[in-house]
């Protein structure tokens, strides 16, 4: 397999595991994540300032086409569980990246709290796109 010069969007796949089950989101059209840090600064009287970034989780989101009721069912179950029993369950997000040399890298976002920030806009002859935002405790490299 020939090497590519850089990654493109279709080199990424995303899988959501929530409450031990895979949530089927077949057509993910966008994914982004960013590290969160707590910025510390030290202002010594006898030296230049020093700055530190302490890891403080990850956040991000992904867009997907509504191919099924998978996301809507998940969030209905999350709300129902909270209002009937007070349960709050976090999940994991797996990101699979095909690297430019053809190898596969897997990242796991652990302890992900998710929210359906866009349940979709229904319009005649348009694709319904939904969006999930997340925050996670840590991103681990699996492979």
C-alpha atoms as a PDB file:
ATOM      1  CA  UNK A   1       0.000   0.000   0.000  1.00  0.00           C
ATOM      2  CA  UNK A   2       1.386   3.407  -0.975  1.00  0.00           C
ATOM      3  CA  UNK A   3       1.792   6.033   1.696  1.00  0.00           C
ATOM      4  CA  UNK A   4      -0.472   9.089   1.609  1.00  0.00           C
ATOM      5  CA  UNK A   5       0.928  12.569   2.233  1.00  0.00           C
ATOM      6  CA  UNK A   6      -1.630  13.430   4.970  1.00  0.00           C
ATOM      7  CA  UNK A   7      -4.843  12.312   6.665  1.00  0.00           C
ATOM      8  CA  UNK A   8      -8.275  13.189   5.337  1.00  0.00           C
ATOM      9  CA  UNK A   9     -11.614  13.007   7.148  1.00  0.00           C
ATOM     10  CA  UNK A  10     -12.566   9.591   5.877  1.00  0.00           C
ATOM     11  CA  UNK A  11      -9.491   8.137   7.613  1.00  0.00           C
ATOM     12  CA  UNK A  12     -11.444   8.378  10.897  1.00  0.00           C
ATOM     13  CA  UNK A  13     -14.217   6.173  12.310  1.00  0.00           C
ATOM     14  CA  UNK A  14     -16.038   6.744  15.586  1.00  0.00           C
ATOM     15  CA  UNK A  15     -17.847   4.204  17.785  1.00  0.00           C
ATOM     16  CA  UNK A  16     -19.891   5.052  20.875  1.00  0.00           C
ATOM     17  CA  UNK A  17     -20.199   2.451  23.663  1.00  0.00           C
ATOM     18  CA  UNK A  18     -22.768   3.423  26.269  1.00  0.00           C
ATOM     19  CA  UNK A  19     -23.974   1.342  29.183  1.00  0.00           C
ATOM     20  CA  UNK A  20     -22.035  -1.616  27.757  1.00  0.00           C
ATOM     21  CA  UNK A  21     -23.722  -1.515  24.340  1.00  0.00           C
ATOM     22  CA  UNK A  22     -22.610  -0.198  20.986  1.00  0.00           C
ATOM     23  CA  UNK A  23     -24.783   2.670  19.768  1.00  0.00           C
ATOM     24  CA  UNK A  24     -25.290   2.358  16.035  1.00  0.00           C
ATOM     25  CA  UNK A  25     -24.478   5.657  14.298  1.00  0.00           C
ATOM     26  CA  UNK A  26     -23.682   4.433  10.775  1.00  0.00           C
ATOM     27  CA  UNK A  27     -22.990   7.731   9.017  1.00  0.00           C
ATOM     28  CA  UNK A  28     -20.686   9.910  11.117  1.00  0.00           C
ATOM     29  CA  UNK A  29     -19.857  12.937   8.961  1.00  0.00           C
ATOM     30  CA  UNK A  30     -17.575  14.905  11.285  1.00  0.00           C
ATOM     31  CA  UNK A  31     -15.546  14.420  14.462  1.00  0.00           C
ATOM     32  CA  UNK A  32     -13.424  16.810  16.486  1.00  0.00           C
ATOM     33  CA  UNK A  33     -11.804  16.689  19.901  1.00  0.00           C
ATOM     34  CA  UNK A  34      -9.535  18.842  21.986  1.00  0.00           C
ATOM     35  CA  UNK A  35      -7.574  18.384  25.175  1.00  0.00           C
ATOM     36  CA  UNK A  36      -8.778  20.381  28.170  1.00  0.00           C
ATOM     37  CA  UNK A  37      -6.203  21.728  30.594  1.00  0.00           C
ATOM     38  CA  UNK A  38      -6.112  23.772  33.750  1.00  0.00           C
ATOM     39  CA  UNK A  39      -3.579  26.530  33.122  1.00  0.00           C
ATOM     40  CA  UNK A  40      -1.398  27.402  36.093  1.00  0.00           C
ATOM     41  CA  UNK A  41       0.975  30.310  36.285  1.00  0.00           C
ATOM     42  CA  UNK A  42       3.768  31.222  38.644  1.00  0.00           C
ATOM     43  CA  UNK A  43       4.929  34.815  38.958  1.00  0.00           C
ATOM     44  CA  UNK A  44       8.215  34.719  40.898  1.00  0.00           C
ATOM     45  CA  UNK A  45       9.530  38.040  42.152  1.00  0.00           C
ATOM     46  CA  UNK A  46      13.059  37.175  41.071  1.00  0.00           C
ATOM     47  CA  UNK A  47      12.503  35.457  37.703  1.00  0.00           C
ATOM     48  CA  UNK A  48      10.406  35.337  34.564  1.00  0.00           C
ATOM     49  CA  UNK A  49       6.865  33.965  34.782  1.00  0.00           C
ATOM     50  CA  UNK A  50       6.351  30.223  34.373  1.00  0.00           C
ATOM     51  CA  UNK A  51       3.295  28.499  32.957  1.00  0.00           C
ATOM     52  CA  UNK A  52       1.995  24.955  33.249  1.00  0.00           C
ATOM     53  CA  UNK A  53      -0.932  23.128  31.675  1.00  0.00           C
ATOM     54  CA  UNK A  54      -2.362  20.370  33.862  1.00  0.00           C
ATOM     55  CA  UNK A  55      -4.387  17.762  31.904  1.00  0.00           C
ATOM     56  CA  UNK A  56      -8.101  18.136  32.655  1.00  0.00           C
ATOM     57  CA  UNK A  57      -9.882  15.751  30.314  1.00  0.00           C
ATOM     58  CA  UNK A  58     -11.031  15.991  26.709  1.00  0.00           C
ATOM     59  CA  UNK A  59     -14.031  17.489  24.959  1.00  0.00           C
ATOM     60  CA  UNK A  60     -15.409  17.322  21.484  1.00  0.00           C
ATOM     61  CA  UNK A  61     -18.301  16.360  19.344  1.00  0.00           C
ATOM     62  CA  UNK A  62     -19.440  14.569  16.253  1.00  0.00           C
ATOM     63  CA  UNK A  63     -22.003  15.054  13.522  1.00  0.00           C
ATOM     64  CA  UNK A  64     -23.915  12.178  12.004  1.00  0.00           C
ATOM     65  CA  UNK A  65     -26.777  11.624   9.652  1.00  0.00           C
ATOM     66  CA  UNK A  66     -29.935  10.269  11.218  1.00  0.00           C
ATOM     67  CA  UNK A  67     -30.027   6.785   9.679  1.00  0.00           C
ATOM     68  CA  UNK A  68     -31.999   5.246  12.545  1.00  0.00           C
ATOM     69  CA  UNK A  69     -33.443   6.091  15.939  1.00  0.00           C
ATOM     70  CA  UNK A  70     -30.227   4.921  17.681  1.00  0.00           C
ATOM     71  CA  UNK A  71     -29.186   8.289  19.123  1.00  0.00           C
ATOM     72  CA  UNK A  72     -32.734   9.371  19.948  1.00  0.00           C
ATOM     73  CA  UNK A  73     -33.372   6.029  21.699  1.00  0.00           C
ATOM     74  CA  UNK A  74     -30.120   6.358  23.672  1.00  0.00           C
ATOM     75  CA  UNK A  75     -30.951   9.820  24.965  1.00  0.00           C
ATOM     76  CA  UNK A  76     -34.533   8.805  25.769  1.00  0.00           C
ATOM     77  CA  UNK A  77     -33.108   5.917  27.835  1.00  0.00           C
ATOM     78  CA  UNK A  78     -30.605   8.240  29.560  1.00  0.00           C
ATOM     79  CA  UNK A  79     -33.372  10.677  30.537  1.00  0.00           C
ATOM     80  CA  UNK A  80     -35.711   7.897  31.615  1.00  0.00           C
ATOM     81  CA  UNK A  81     -33.008   6.307  33.781  1.00  0.00           C
ATOM     82  CA  UNK A  82     -32.272   9.610  35.444  1.00  0.00           C
ATOM     83  CA  UNK A  83     -35.872  10.590  36.152  1.00  0.00           C
ATOM     84  CA  UNK A  84     -37.004   7.140  37.294  1.00  0.00           C
ATOM     85  CA  UNK A  85     -33.976   6.028  39.317  1.00  0.00           C
ATOM     86  CA  UNK A  86     -31.538   8.941  39.472  1.00  0.00           C
ATOM     87  CA  UNK A  87     -28.905   7.020  37.505  1.00  0.00           C
ATOM     88  CA  UNK A  88     -26.223   8.766  35.498  1.00  0.00           C
ATOM     89  CA  UNK A  89     -24.081   6.521  33.316  1.00  0.00           C
ATOM     90  CA  UNK A  90     -21.048   7.538  31.281  1.00  0.00           C
ATOM     91  CA  UNK A  91     -19.763   5.752  28.220  1.00  0.00           C
ATOM     92  CA  UNK A  92     -16.643   5.418  26.102  1.00  0.00           C
ATOM     93  CA  UNK A  93     -15.928   6.737  22.633  1.00  0.00           C
ATOM     94  CA  UNK A  94     -13.509   4.940  20.332  1.00  0.00           C
ATOM     95  CA  UNK A  95     -11.780   6.781  17.503  1.00  0.00           C
ATOM     96  CA  UNK A  96     -10.077   4.700  14.814  1.00  0.00           C
ATOM     97  CA  UNK A  97      -7.609   6.541  12.576  1.00  0.00           C
ATOM     98  CA  UNK A  98      -6.043   4.979   9.498  1.00  0.00           C
ATOM     99  CA  UNK A  99      -2.596   6.542   9.458  1.00  0.00           C
ATOM    100  CA  UNK A 100      -0.872   7.706   6.267  1.00  0.00           C
ATOM    101  CA  UNK A 101       1.280   4.540   6.242  1.00  0.00           C
ATOM    102  CA  UNK A 102      -1.820   2.307   6.394  1.00  0.00           C
ATOM    103  CA  UNK A 103      -1.571   1.337  10.071  1.00  0.00           C
ATOM    104  CA  UNK A 104      -4.546   1.757  12.406  1.00  0.00           C
ATOM    105  CA  UNK A 105      -4.405   3.861  15.579  1.00  0.00           C
ATOM    106  CA  UNK A 106      -7.148   3.543  18.191  1.00  0.00           C
ATOM    107  CA  UNK A 107      -7.959   6.148  20.833  1.00  0.00           C
ATOM    108  CA  UNK A 108     -10.371   5.568  23.705  1.00  0.00           C
ATOM    109  CA  UNK A 109     -12.136   8.502  25.371  1.00  0.00           C
ATOM    110  CA  UNK A 110     -12.947   7.136  28.836  1.00  0.00           C
ATOM    111  CA  UNK A 111     -15.832   8.208  31.057  1.00  0.00           C
ATOM    112  CA  UNK A 112     -17.560  10.205  28.347  1.00  0.00           C
ATOM    113  CA  UNK A 113     -20.585  12.255  29.360  1.00  0.00           C
ATOM    114  CA  UNK A 114     -22.595  12.984  26.247  1.00  0.00           C
ATOM    115  CA  UNK A 115     -25.357  15.359  25.239  1.00  0.00           C
ATOM    116  CA  UNK A 116     -27.471  15.501  22.111  1.00  0.00           C
ATOM    117  CA  UNK A 117     -26.829  19.168  21.352  1.00  0.00           C
ATOM    118  CA  UNK A 118     -28.675  18.974  18.026  1.00  0.00           C
ATOM    119  CA  UNK A 119     -31.457  16.420  17.583  1.00  0.00           C
ATOM    120  CA  UNK A 120     -31.839  17.425  13.944  1.00  0.00           C
ATOM    121  CA  UNK A 121     -33.778  19.710  11.678  1.00  0.00           C
ATOM    122  CA  UNK A 122     -36.405  18.030   9.567  1.00  0.00           C
ATOM    123  CA  UNK A 123     -36.957  19.704   6.212  1.00  0.00           C
ATOM    124  CA  UNK A 124     -38.360  18.487   2.943  1.00  0.00           C
ATOM    125  CA  UNK A 125     -35.729  16.695   0.850  1.00  0.00           C
ATOM    126  CA  UNK A 126     -32.826  17.451   3.214  1.00  0.00           C
ATOM    127  CA  UNK A 127     -30.681  15.075   5.229  1.00  0.00           C
ATOM    128  CA  UNK A 128     -31.323  15.245   8.972  1.00  0.00           C
ATOM    129  CA  UNK A 129     -27.996  15.819  10.746  1.00  0.00           C
ATOM    130  CA  UNK A 130     -27.638  15.358  14.500  1.00  0.00           C
ATOM    131  CA  UNK A 131     -24.759  16.360  16.793  1.00  0.00           C
ATOM    132  CA  UNK A 132     -23.427  14.880  20.035  1.00  0.00           C
ATOM    133  CA  UNK A 133     -21.078  16.836  22.305  1.00  0.00           C
ATOM    134  CA  UNK A 134     -18.947  15.027  24.870  1.00  0.00           C
ATOM    135  CA  UNK A 135     -16.531  15.522  27.712  1.00  0.00           C
ATOM    136  CA  UNK A 136     -14.304  12.654  28.811  1.00  0.00           C
ATOM    137  CA  UNK A 137     -11.892  12.051  31.663  1.00  0.00           C
ATOM    138  CA  UNK A 138      -8.938  10.930  29.548  1.00  0.00           C
ATOM    139  CA  UNK A 139      -7.952   9.832  26.047  1.00  0.00           C
ATOM    140  CA  UNK A 140      -5.956   6.599  26.009  1.00  0.00           C
ATOM    141  CA  UNK A 141      -4.039   5.251  23.053  1.00  0.00           C
ATOM    142  CA  UNK A 142      -5.094   1.615  22.642  1.00  0.00           C
ATOM    143  CA  UNK A 143      -3.053   0.717  19.576  1.00  0.00           C
END
